[in-house]
Amino acid sequence: MNNNSAFAAIHPMVLLLYFIGEIVITMFSSDPVVLLCSFVGSVLLFAMLSSLKQFLSDLAFYLPMLVLIAVINPLFSHNGVTPLFFMNGNAVTLEAILYGFDISLMLISVVYWCKCFSIVMTTDKFLYLFGRAVPKLSLVLSMALRFIPLFRRKLKEFRAVQGAVGLYSQKGFVNKIASELKVFSALIGWALENSADTANSMKARGYGLKGRTHFSLFKFRVGDIIFLIFSAVFFVVTTAGIAVGLTDFYFYPRVAKLCFDSLKTAVYSAFFVLSVMPFVVQLREVVVWKYSVSKI
């Protein structure tokens, strides 16, 4: 996990606007090409921001989930005019399966964008963006995002410590559940204590008081402005295409045919470039770094 990466170094306001735009377009689009562009962009960015082990582990979890959702959808929806086979008297249609794939692609893309968001948008960035306007809310949100990775690390530590003193020595399902409950109880106690300590520490420092000054290292640079302009242009092109219906796509009663005329291709291309821009920024940093190292 690289929080000092080139993409993470972009101004927090630009990052926030980018993620909001990307996630909103992904959530409210049913066009498979748009969703595929979003999926590719999110997966590529997550691959650059996370370790290889974490990336492969997540990919091994989400790809089967994609197939599972696509398979489950026909069990609840029997619309469509292309039945493949019948189960308990109900038709399993091609349209329902393809719609399931479309939904799962949207969900997993949003999940990956949110994972990238949690990696890039650190606590100090949240406090910088919302500390003056809504100090209490920004503190709660930053603490909540911070506790997600902390919970995982502490859970591993508690399990290792309790296992070393023989907590998991007894076999059986009931004993295992009892051991996990003890670890979970210790984890909740640690979380409450840590939250209280953090709140008291911030209060002692005068956080949220009127007239309190804020120090920050975040400043708009030329690269931030360039990234913002390109993102805005591609976002406007994409949303304009969606607004006029260029990306309208339906699965029932029959799957619509994909069309790649000049206007649709322009919209697809704009959103694809928008989705892979963070990956390109990261890749450029890697290439420049390796080139610099090779010159030493």
C-alpha atoms as a PDB file:
ATOM      1  CA  MET A   1       0.000   0.000   0.000  1.00  0.00           C
ATOM      2  CA  ASN A   2       1.606   3.213  -1.161  1.00  0.00           C
ATOM      3  CA  ASN A   3       0.092   6.385   0.284  1.00  0.00           C
ATOM      4  CA  ASN A   4       3.047   8.391  -1.027  1.00  0.00           C
ATOM      5  CA  SER A   5       2.230   7.525  -4.632  1.00  0.00           C
ATOM      6  CA  ALA A   6       1.855  10.064  -7.414  1.00  0.00           C
ATOM      7  CA  PHE A   7      -1.925   9.750  -7.528  1.00  0.00           C
ATOM      8  CA  ALA A   8      -2.272  10.030  -3.751  1.00  0.00           C
ATOM      9  CA  ALA A   9      -0.118  13.169  -3.879  1.00  0.00           C
ATOM     10  CA  ILE A  10      -2.762  15.007  -5.922  1.00  0.00           C
ATOM     11  CA  HIS A  11      -4.668  17.699  -4.037  1.00  0.00           C
ATOM     12  CA  PRO A  12      -7.383  16.182  -1.769  1.00  0.00           C
ATOM     13  CA  MET A  13     -10.179  18.269  -3.292  1.00  0.00           C
ATOM     14  CA  VAL A  14      -9.297  17.028  -6.774  1.00  0.00           C
ATOM     15  CA  LEU A  15      -9.178  13.433  -5.529  1.00  0.00           C
ATOM     16  CA  LEU A  16     -12.555  13.780  -3.807  1.00  0.00           C
ATOM     17  CA  LEU A  17     -14.219  15.229  -6.910  1.00  0.00           C
ATOM     18  CA  TYR A  18     -12.676  12.536  -9.099  1.00  0.00           C
ATOM     19  CA  PHE A  19     -13.889   9.635  -6.950  1.00  0.00           C
ATOM     20  CA  ILE A  20     -17.373  11.129  -6.589  1.00  0.00           C
ATOM     21  CA  GLY A  21     -17.688  11.556 -10.354  1.00  0.00           C
ATOM     22  CA  GLU A  22     -16.381   8.071 -11.132  1.00  0.00           C
ATOM     23  CA  ILE A  23     -18.570   6.328  -8.560  1.00  0.00           C
ATOM     24  CA  VAL A  24     -21.725   8.265  -9.515  1.00  0.00           C
ATOM     25  CA  ILE A  25     -21.350   7.424 -13.214  1.00  0.00           C
ATOM     26  CA  THR A  26     -20.703   3.773 -12.382  1.00  0.00           C
ATOM     27  CA  MET A  27     -23.680   3.485 -10.018  1.00  0.00           C
ATOM     28  CA  PHE A  28     -26.214   5.054 -12.372  1.00  0.00           C
ATOM     29  CA  SER A  29     -25.178   3.395 -15.623  1.00  0.00           C
ATOM     30  CA  SER A  30     -26.362   0.072 -17.006  1.00  0.00           C
ATOM     31  CA  ASP A  31     -24.348   0.151 -20.215  1.00  0.00           C
ATOM     32  CA  PRO A  32     -21.949  -2.833 -20.108  1.00  0.00           C
ATOM     33  CA  VAL A  33     -19.213  -0.927 -21.952  1.00  0.00           C
ATOM     34  CA  VAL A  34     -19.298   1.914 -19.408  1.00  0.00           C
ATOM     35  CA  LEU A  35     -19.251  -0.562 -16.522  1.00  0.00           C
ATOM     36  CA  LEU A  36     -16.409  -2.527 -18.084  1.00  0.00           C
ATOM     37  CA  CYS A  37     -14.367   0.666 -18.443  1.00  0.00           C
ATOM     38  CA  SER A  38     -15.022   1.484 -14.796  1.00  0.00           C
ATOM     39  CA  PHE A  39     -14.118  -2.037 -13.703  1.00  0.00           C
ATOM     40  CA  VAL A  40     -10.840  -2.027 -15.640  1.00  0.00           C
ATOM     41  CA  GLY A  41      -9.878   1.403 -14.304  1.00  0.00           C
ATOM     42  CA  SER A  42     -10.664   0.527 -10.687  1.00  0.00           C
ATOM     43  CA  VAL A  43      -8.862  -2.816 -10.781  1.00  0.00           C
ATOM     44  CA  LEU A  44      -5.771  -1.319 -12.429  1.00  0.00           C
ATOM     45  CA  LEU A  45      -5.616   1.475  -9.855  1.00  0.00           C
ATOM     46  CA  PHE A  46      -6.085  -0.934  -6.945  1.00  0.00           C
ATOM     47  CA  ALA A  47      -3.305  -3.103  -8.360  1.00  0.00           C
ATOM     48  CA  MET A  48      -0.955  -0.110  -8.280  1.00  0.00           C
ATOM     49  CA  LEU A  49      -1.980   1.026  -4.790  1.00  0.00           C
ATOM     50  CA  SER A  50      -1.970  -2.353  -3.021  1.00  0.00           C
ATOM     51  CA  SER A  51       0.503  -5.160  -2.576  1.00  0.00           C
ATOM     52  CA  LEU A  52       0.529  -8.070  -5.031  1.00  0.00           C
ATOM     53  CA  LYS A  53      -0.680 -10.469  -2.327  1.00  0.00           C
ATOM     54  CA  GLN A  54      -3.615  -8.263  -1.382  1.00  0.00           C
ATOM     55  CA  PHE A  55      -4.520  -7.634  -5.021  1.00  0.00           C
ATOM     56  CA  LEU A  56      -4.566 -11.330  -5.927  1.00  0.00           C
ATOM     57  CA  SER A  57      -6.470 -12.179  -2.748  1.00  0.00           C
ATOM     58  CA  ASP A  58      -9.184  -9.602  -3.490  1.00  0.00           C
ATOM     59  CA  LEU A  59      -9.371 -10.611  -7.124  1.00  0.00           C
ATOM     60  CA  ALA A  60      -9.812 -14.259  -6.149  1.00  0.00           C
ATOM     61  CA  PHE A  61     -12.719 -13.193  -3.926  1.00  0.00           C
ATOM     62  CA  TYR A  62     -14.529 -10.737  -6.214  1.00  0.00           C
ATOM     63  CA  LEU A  63     -14.342 -12.609  -9.519  1.00  0.00           C
ATOM     64  CA  PRO A  64     -16.262 -15.642  -8.171  1.00  0.00           C
ATOM     65  CA  MET A  65     -18.701 -13.178  -6.584  1.00  0.00           C
ATOM     66  CA  LEU A  66     -19.278 -11.655 -10.021  1.00  0.00           C
ATOM     67  CA  VAL A  67     -20.214 -15.073 -11.399  1.00  0.00           C
ATOM     68  CA  LEU A  68     -22.290 -15.915  -8.320  1.00  0.00           C
ATOM     69  CA  ILE A  69     -24.455 -12.799  -8.613  1.00  0.00           C
ATOM     70  CA  ALA A  70     -24.978 -13.487 -12.307  1.00  0.00           C
ATOM     71  CA  VAL A  71     -26.097 -17.035 -11.525  1.00  0.00           C
ATOM     72  CA  ILE A  72     -28.362 -16.021  -8.643  1.00  0.00           C
ATOM     73  CA  ASN A  73     -30.239 -13.299 -10.537  1.00  0.00           C
ATOM     74  CA  PRO A  74     -32.165 -15.719 -12.842  1.00  0.00           C
ATOM     75  CA  LEU A  75     -33.504 -17.484  -9.738  1.00  0.00           C
ATOM     76  CA  PHE A  76     -35.433 -14.306  -8.845  1.00  0.00           C
ATOM     77  CA  SER A  77     -36.014 -12.772 -12.260  1.00  0.00           C
ATOM     78  CA  HIS A  78     -37.600 -14.815 -15.036  1.00  0.00           C
ATOM     79  CA  ASN A  79     -37.997 -12.017 -17.570  1.00  0.00           C
ATOM     80  CA  GLY A  80     -36.600 -12.347 -21.048  1.00  0.00           C
ATOM     81  CA  VAL A  81     -37.515 -14.081 -24.284  1.00  0.00           C
ATOM     82  CA  THR A  82     -34.540 -16.442 -24.564  1.00  0.00           C
ATOM     83  CA  PRO A  83     -35.029 -19.359 -22.137  1.00  0.00           C
ATOM     84  CA  LEU A  84     -31.949 -21.538 -21.719  1.00  0.00           C
ATOM     85  CA  PHE A  85     -33.522 -24.203 -19.486  1.00  0.00           C
ATOM     86  CA  PHE A  86     -36.241 -24.595 -16.882  1.00  0.00           C
ATOM     87  CA  MET A  87     -35.794 -24.972 -13.123  1.00  0.00           C
ATOM     88  CA  ASN A  88     -38.793 -25.876 -10.973  1.00  0.00           C
ATOM     89  CA  GLY A  89     -41.036 -24.835 -13.794  1.00  0.00           C
ATOM     90  CA  ASN A  90     -39.430 -21.393 -14.148  1.00  0.00           C
ATOM     91  CA  ALA A  91     -37.434 -20.316 -17.158  1.00  0.00           C
ATOM     92  CA  VAL A  92     -33.790 -19.382 -16.709  1.00  0.00           C
ATOM     93  CA  THR A  93     -33.298 -16.806 -19.455  1.00  0.00           C
ATOM     94  CA  LEU A  94     -30.208 -15.492 -21.167  1.00  0.00           C
ATOM     95  CA  GLU A  95     -31.360 -11.933 -20.511  1.00  0.00           C
ATOM     96  CA  ALA A  96     -31.559 -12.524 -16.748  1.00  0.00           C
ATOM     97  CA  ILE A  97     -28.044 -13.986 -16.648  1.00  0.00           C
ATOM     98  CA  LEU A  98     -26.580 -11.105 -18.651  1.00  0.00           C
ATOM     99  CA  TYR A  99     -28.392  -8.588 -16.456  1.00  0.00           C
ATOM    100  CA  GLY A 100     -26.926 -10.346 -13.414  1.00  0.00           C
ATOM    101  CA  PHE A 101     -23.437  -9.953 -14.871  1.00  0.00           C
ATOM    102  CA  ASP A 102     -24.168  -6.286 -15.504  1.00  0.00           C
ATOM    103  CA  ILE A 103     -25.307  -5.692 -11.911  1.00  0.00           C
ATOM    104  CA  SER A 104     -22.357  -7.585 -10.432  1.00  0.00           C
ATOM    105  CA  LEU A 105     -19.921  -5.655 -12.632  1.00  0.00           C
ATOM    106  CA  MET A 106     -21.385  -2.403 -11.339  1.00  0.00           C
ATOM    107  CA  LEU A 107     -21.269  -3.494  -7.686  1.00  0.00           C
ATOM    108  CA  ILE A 108     -17.702  -4.802  -7.818  1.00  0.00           C
ATOM    109  CA  SER A 109     -16.493  -1.717  -9.696  1.00  0.00           C
ATOM    110  CA  VAL A 110     -17.978   0.526  -6.992  1.00  0.00           C
ATOM    111  CA  VAL A 111     -16.378  -1.640  -4.293  1.00  0.00           C
ATOM    112  CA  TYR A 112     -12.959  -1.331  -5.944  1.00  0.00           C
ATOM    113  CA  TRP A 113     -13.313   2.435  -6.311  1.00  0.00           C
ATOM    114  CA  CYS A 114     -14.266   2.667  -2.628  1.00  0.00           C
ATOM    115  CA  LYS A 115     -11.246   0.553  -1.665  1.00  0.00           C
ATOM    116  CA  CYS A 116      -8.982   2.860  -3.670  1.00  0.00           C
ATOM    117  CA  PHE A 117     -10.702   5.838  -2.050  1.00  0.00           C
ATOM    118  CA  SER A 118     -10.000   4.481   1.448  1.00  0.00           C
ATOM    119  CA  ILE A 119      -6.334   3.978   0.553  1.00  0.00           C
ATOM    120  CA  VAL A 120      -5.796   7.393  -1.016  1.00  0.00           C
ATOM    121  CA  MET A 121      -7.998   9.606   1.176  1.00  0.00           C
ATOM    122  CA  THR A 122      -6.160   9.458   4.479  1.00  0.00           C
ATOM    123  CA  THR A 123      -7.234  11.017   7.797  1.00  0.00           C
ATOM    124  CA  ASP A 124      -5.249  14.222   7.302  1.00  0.00           C
ATOM    125  CA  LYS A 125      -6.927  14.796   3.933  1.00  0.00           C
ATOM    126  CA  PHE A 126     -10.391  14.435   5.423  1.00  0.00           C
ATOM    127  CA  LEU A 127      -9.539  16.856   8.200  1.00  0.00           C
ATOM    128  CA  TYR A 128      -8.109  19.292   5.665  1.00  0.00           C
ATOM    129  CA  LEU A 129     -11.256  19.200   3.501  1.00  0.00           C
ATOM    130  CA  PHE A 130     -13.955  19.245   6.176  1.00  0.00           C
ATOM    131  CA  GLY A 131     -12.167  20.267   9.381  1.00  0.00           C
ATOM    132  CA  ARG A 132     -13.302  23.885   9.219  1.00  0.00           C
ATOM    133  CA  ALA A 133     -16.784  23.435   7.782  1.00  0.00           C
ATOM    134  CA  VAL A 134     -17.959  20.395   9.784  1.00  0.00           C
ATOM    135  CA  PRO A 135     -15.219  19.554  12.284  1.00  0.00           C
ATOM    136  CA  LYS A 136     -17.159  16.942  14.265  1.00  0.00           C
ATOM    137  CA  LEU A 137     -18.404  15.087  11.193  1.00  0.00           C
ATOM    138  CA  SER A 138     -14.987  15.140   9.547  1.00  0.00           C
ATOM    139  CA  LEU A 139     -13.400  13.758  12.722  1.00  0.00           C
ATOM    140  CA  VAL A 140     -15.957  10.934  12.904  1.00  0.00           C
ATOM    141  CA  LEU A 141     -15.531  10.056   9.224  1.00  0.00           C
ATOM    142  CA  SER A 142     -11.742  10.126   9.375  1.00  0.00           C
ATOM    143  CA  MET A 143     -11.734   7.980  12.520  1.00  0.00           C
ATOM    144  CA  ALA A 144     -14.173   5.509  10.939  1.00  0.00           C
ATOM    145  CA  LEU A 145     -12.017   5.108   7.820  1.00  0.00           C
ATOM    146  CA  ARG A 146      -8.892   4.840   9.952  1.00  0.00           C
ATOM    147  CA  PHE A 147     -10.399   2.158  12.166  1.00  0.00           C
ATOM    148  CA  ILE A 148     -11.089  -0.207   9.259  1.00  0.00           C
ATOM    149  CA  PRO A 149      -7.404  -1.140   8.674  1.00  0.00           C
ATOM    150  CA  LEU A 150      -6.658  -0.790  12.397  1.00  0.00           C
ATOM    151  CA  PHE A 151      -9.409  -3.289  13.231  1.00  0.00           C
ATOM    152  CA  ARG A 152      -7.908  -5.838  10.884  1.00  0.00           C
ATOM    153  CA  ARG A 153      -4.406  -5.466  12.272  1.00  0.00           C
ATOM    154  CA  LYS A 154      -5.558  -5.535  15.891  1.00  0.00           C
ATOM    155  CA  LEU A 155      -7.738  -8.572  15.235  1.00  0.00           C
ATOM    156  CA  LYS A 156      -4.716 -10.472  13.939  1.00  0.00           C
ATOM    157  CA  GLU A 157      -2.671  -9.361  16.950  1.00  0.00           C
ATOM    158  CA  PHE A 158      -5.344 -10.403  19.454  1.00  0.00           C
ATOM    159  CA  ARG A 159      -5.788 -13.776  17.771  1.00  0.00           C
ATOM    160  CA  ALA A 160      -2.030 -14.380  17.811  1.00  0.00           C
ATOM    161  CA  VAL A 161      -1.687 -13.382  21.481  1.00  0.00           C
ATOM    162  CA  GLN A 162      -4.710 -15.364  22.623  1.00  0.00           C
ATOM    163  CA  GLY A 163      -3.589 -18.359  20.580  1.00  0.00           C
ATOM    164  CA  ALA A 164      -0.173 -18.209  22.246  1.00  0.00           C
ATOM    165  CA  VAL A 165      -1.791 -18.514  25.692  1.00  0.00           C
ATOM    166  CA  GLY A 166      -3.914 -21.471  24.582  1.00  0.00           C
ATOM    167  CA  LEU A 167      -7.275 -19.880  23.792  1.00  0.00           C
ATOM    168  CA  TYR A 168      -7.722 -21.848  20.571  1.00  0.00           C
ATOM    169  CA  SER A 169      -6.275 -25.095  21.939  1.00  0.00           C
ATOM    170  CA  GLN A 170      -9.660 -26.789  22.429  1.00  0.00           C
ATOM    171  CA  LYS A 171     -11.222 -28.266  19.333  1.00  0.00           C
ATOM    172  CA  GLY A 172     -14.865 -28.093  18.332  1.00  0.00           C
ATOM    173  CA  PHE A 173     -17.164 -25.572  16.725  1.00  0.00           C
ATOM    174  CA  VAL A 174     -18.609 -24.274  20.025  1.00  0.00           C
ATOM    175  CA  ASN A 175     -15.140 -23.709  21.521  1.00  0.00           C
ATOM    176  CA  LYS A 176     -14.023 -21.909  18.394  1.00  0.00           C
ATOM    177  CA  ILE A 177     -17.047 -19.586  18.516  1.00  0.00           C
ATOM    178  CA  ALA A 178     -16.431 -18.918  22.229  1.00  0.00           C
ATOM    179  CA  SER A 179     -12.790 -18.074  21.516  1.00  0.00           C
ATOM    180  CA  GLU A 180     -13.744 -15.714  18.694  1.00  0.00           C
ATOM    181  CA  LEU A 181     -16.265 -13.977  20.951  1.00  0.00           C
ATOM    182  CA  LYS A 182     -13.563 -13.385  23.577  1.00  0.00           C
ATOM    183  CA  VAL A 183     -11.262 -11.911  20.949  1.00  0.00           C
ATOM    184  CA  PHE A 184     -14.083  -9.786  19.552  1.00  0.00           C
ATOM    185  CA  SER A 185     -14.929  -8.537  23.046  1.00  0.00           C
ATOM    186  CA  ALA A 186     -11.312  -7.497  23.575  1.00  0.00           C
ATOM    187  CA  LEU A 187     -11.306  -5.804  20.176  1.00  0.00           C
ATOM    188  CA  ILE A 188     -14.442  -3.784  20.975  1.00  0.00           C
ATOM    189  CA  GLY A 189     -12.946  -2.732  24.311  1.00  0.00           C
ATOM    190  CA  TRP A 190      -9.776  -1.585  22.601  1.00  0.00           C
ATOM    191  CA  ALA A 191     -11.795   0.328  19.961  1.00  0.00           C
ATOM    192  CA  LEU A 192     -13.870   2.197  22.554  1.00  0.00           C
ATOM    193  CA  GLU A 193     -10.803   3.080  24.604  1.00  0.00           C
ATOM    194  CA  ASN A 194      -8.889   4.207  21.536  1.00  0.00           C
ATOM    195  CA  SER A 195     -11.834   6.346  20.359  1.00  0.00           C
ATOM    196  CA  ALA A 196     -12.097   8.037  23.747  1.00  0.00           C
ATOM    197  CA  ASP A 197      -8.344   8.708  23.821  1.00  0.00           C
ATOM    198  CA  THR A 198      -8.444  10.183  20.318  1.00  0.00           C
ATOM    199  CA  ALA A 199     -11.432  12.403  21.138  1.00  0.00           C
ATOM    200  CA  ASN A 200      -9.820  13.666  24.346  1.00  0.00           C
ATOM    201  CA  SER A 201      -6.537  14.295  22.550  1.00  0.00           C
ATOM    202  CA  MET A 202      -8.222  16.298  19.783  1.00  0.00           C
ATOM    203  CA  LYS A 203     -10.235  18.274  22.343  1.00  0.00           C
ATOM    204  CA  ALA A 204      -7.073  19.072  24.323  1.00  0.00           C
ATOM    205  CA  ARG A 205      -5.516  20.447  21.144  1.00  0.00           C
ATOM    206  CA  GLY A 206      -8.466  22.764  20.582  1.00  0.00           C
ATOM    207  CA  TYR A 207      -9.851  20.940  17.567  1.00  0.00           C
ATOM    208  CA  GLY A 208     -13.068  22.518  16.321  1.00  0.00           C
ATOM    209  CA  LEU A 209     -12.744  25.729  18.342  1.00  0.00           C
ATOM    210  CA  LYS A 210     -13.636  28.970  16.622  1.00  0.00           C
ATOM    211  CA  GLY A 211     -10.610  30.896  15.408  1.00  0.00           C
ATOM    212  CA  ARG A 212      -8.267  27.912  15.571  1.00  0.00           C
ATOM    213  CA  THR A 213      -5.717  27.983  12.768  1.00  0.00           C
ATOM    214  CA  HIS A 214      -5.034  24.968  10.563  1.00  0.00           C
ATOM    215  CA  PHE A 215      -1.669  23.942   9.220  1.00  0.00           C
ATOM    216  CA  SER A 216      -1.597  22.004   5.990  1.00  0.00           C
ATOM    217  CA  LEU A 217       0.954  20.950   3.410  1.00  0.00           C
ATOM    218  CA  PHE A 218      -1.688  20.620   0.677  1.00  0.00           C
ATOM    219  CA  LYS A 219      -1.412  23.225  -2.059  1.00  0.00           C
ATOM    220  CA  PHE A 220      -2.719  23.384  -5.593  1.00  0.00           C
ATOM    221  CA  ARG A 221       0.070  22.660  -8.053  1.00  0.00           C
ATOM    222  CA  VAL A 222       0.186  22.785 -11.822  1.00  0.00           C
ATOM    223  CA  GLY A 223      -0.191  19.007 -12.032  1.00  0.00           C
ATOM    224  CA  ASP A 224      -3.319  19.131  -9.856  1.00  0.00           C
ATOM    225  CA  ILE A 225      -4.902  21.757 -12.094  1.00  0.00           C
ATOM    226  CA  ILE A 226      -4.060  19.775 -15.239  1.00  0.00           C
ATOM    227  CA  PHE A 227      -5.527  16.580 -13.751  1.00  0.00           C
ATOM    228  CA  LEU A 228      -8.654  18.479 -12.669  1.00  0.00           C
ATOM    229  CA  ILE A 229      -9.169  20.042 -16.109  1.00  0.00           C
ATOM    230  CA  PHE A 230      -8.796  16.749 -17.978  1.00  0.00           C
ATOM    231  CA  SER A 231     -11.052  14.963 -15.476  1.00  0.00           C
ATOM    232  CA  ALA A 232     -13.699  17.687 -15.815  1.00  0.00           C
ATOM    233  CA  VAL A 233     -13.617  17.543 -19.625  1.00  0.00           C
ATOM    234  CA  PHE A 234     -13.974  13.760 -19.795  1.00  0.00           C
ATOM    235  CA  PHE A 235     -16.622  13.804 -17.056  1.00  0.00           C
ATOM    236  CA  VAL A 236     -18.701  16.421 -18.900  1.00  0.00           C
ATOM    237  CA  VAL A 237     -18.453  14.490 -22.186  1.00  0.00           C
ATOM    238  CA  THR A 238     -19.516  11.273 -20.457  1.00  0.00           C
ATOM    239  CA  THR A 239     -22.402  12.784 -18.508  1.00  0.00           C
ATOM    240  CA  ALA A 240     -23.609  14.666 -21.595  1.00  0.00           C
ATOM    241  CA  GLY A 241     -23.680  11.397 -23.529  1.00  0.00           C
ATOM    242  CA  ILE A 242     -25.575   9.703 -20.695  1.00  0.00           C
ATOM    243  CA  ALA A 243     -28.026  12.628 -20.428  1.00  0.00           C
ATOM    244  CA  VAL A 244     -28.999  12.503 -24.104  1.00  0.00           C
ATOM    245  CA  GLY A 245     -29.418   8.720 -23.983  1.00  0.00           C
ATOM    246  CA  LEU A 246     -26.360   7.613 -25.936  1.00  0.00           C
ATOM    247  CA  THR A 247     -25.533   4.981 -23.308  1.00  0.00           C
ATOM    248  CA  ASP A 248     -29.085   3.773 -22.696  1.00  0.00           C
ATOM    249  CA  PHE A 249     -29.068  -0.005 -22.586  1.00  0.00           C
ATOM    250  CA  TYR A 250     -31.804  -2.505 -21.784  1.00  0.00           C
ATOM    251  CA  PHE A 251     -31.864  -6.253 -21.137  1.00  0.00           C
ATOM    252  CA  TYR A 252     -35.596  -6.963 -21.158  1.00  0.00           C
ATOM    253  CA  PRO A 253     -37.444  -8.295 -22.965  1.00  0.00           C
ATOM    254  CA  ARG A 254     -34.515  -8.771 -25.315  1.00  0.00           C
ATOM    255  CA  VAL A 255     -30.896  -7.658 -24.875  1.00  0.00           C
ATOM    256  CA  ALA A 256     -30.145  -4.498 -26.823  1.00  0.00           C
ATOM    257  CA  LYS A 257     -27.402  -4.566 -29.406  1.00  0.00           C
ATOM    258  CA  LEU A 258     -24.198  -2.678 -28.708  1.00  0.00           C
ATOM    259  CA  CYS A 259     -23.648   0.109 -31.191  1.00  0.00           C
ATOM    260  CA  PHE A 260     -20.341   1.872 -31.723  1.00  0.00           C
ATOM    261  CA  ASP A 261     -21.174   4.878 -33.850  1.00  0.00           C
ATOM    262  CA  SER A 262     -19.038   8.009 -33.693  1.00  0.00           C
ATOM    263  CA  LEU A 263     -20.913   9.697 -30.825  1.00  0.00           C
ATOM    264  CA  LYS A 264     -21.115   6.590 -28.649  1.00  0.00           C
ATOM    265  CA  THR A 265     -17.478   5.795 -29.306  1.00  0.00           C
ATOM    266  CA  ALA A 266     -16.551   9.323 -28.212  1.00  0.00           C
ATOM    267  CA  VAL A 267     -18.499   8.889 -24.949  1.00  0.00           C
ATOM    268  CA  TYR A 268     -17.014   5.442 -24.294  1.00  0.00           C
ATOM    269  CA  SER A 269     -13.515   6.703 -25.039  1.00  0.00           C
ATOM    270  CA  ALA A 270     -13.950   9.713 -22.755  1.00  0.00           C
ATOM    271  CA  PHE A 271     -15.086   7.564 -19.842  1.00  0.00           C
ATOM    272  CA  PHE A 272     -12.370   4.979 -20.443  1.00  0.00           C
ATOM    273  CA  VAL A 273      -9.692   7.677 -20.355  1.00  0.00           C
ATOM    274  CA  LEU A 274     -11.310   9.140 -17.232  1.00  0.00           C
ATOM    275  CA  SER A 275     -11.256   5.718 -15.545  1.00  0.00           C
ATOM    276  CA  VAL A 276      -7.630   4.893 -16.337  1.00  0.00           C
ATOM    277  CA  MET A 277      -6.180   8.344 -15.646  1.00  0.00           C
ATOM    278  CA  PRO A 278      -5.115   7.451 -12.069  1.00  0.00           C
ATOM    279  CA  PHE A 279      -3.463   4.267 -13.332  1.00  0.00           C
ATOM    280  CA  VAL A 280      -1.568   6.250 -15.973  1.00  0.00           C
ATOM    281  CA  VAL A 281      -0.376   8.691 -13.299  1.00  0.00           C
ATOM    282  CA  GLN A 282       0.831   5.782 -11.168  1.00  0.00           C
ATOM    283  CA  LEU A 283       2.423   3.983 -14.098  1.00  0.00           C
ATOM    284  CA  ARG A 284       4.272   7.111 -15.161  1.00  0.00           C
ATOM    285  CA  GLU A 285       5.745   7.404 -11.667  1.00  0.00           C
ATOM    286  CA  VAL A 286       6.949   3.783 -11.767  1.00  0.00           C
ATOM    287  CA  VAL A 287       8.491   4.188 -15.211  1.00  0.00           C
ATOM    288  CA  VAL A 288      10.250   7.440 -14.256  1.00  0.00           C
ATOM    289  CA  TRP A 289      11.544   5.895 -11.035  1.00  0.00           C
ATOM    290  CA  LYS A 290      12.912   2.784 -12.740  1.00  0.00           C
ATOM    291  CA  TYR A 291      14.489   4.885 -15.471  1.00  0.00           C
ATOM    292  CA  SER A 292      16.137   7.107 -12.847  1.00  0.00           C
ATOM    293  CA  VAL A 293      17.450   4.071 -10.962  1.00  0.00           C
ATOM    294  CA  SER A 294      18.863   2.578 -14.154  1.00  0.00           C
ATOM    295  CA  LYS A 295      20.869   5.777 -14.729  1.00  0.00           C
ATOM    296  CA  ILE A 296      22.608   5.568 -11.343  1.00  0.00           C
END
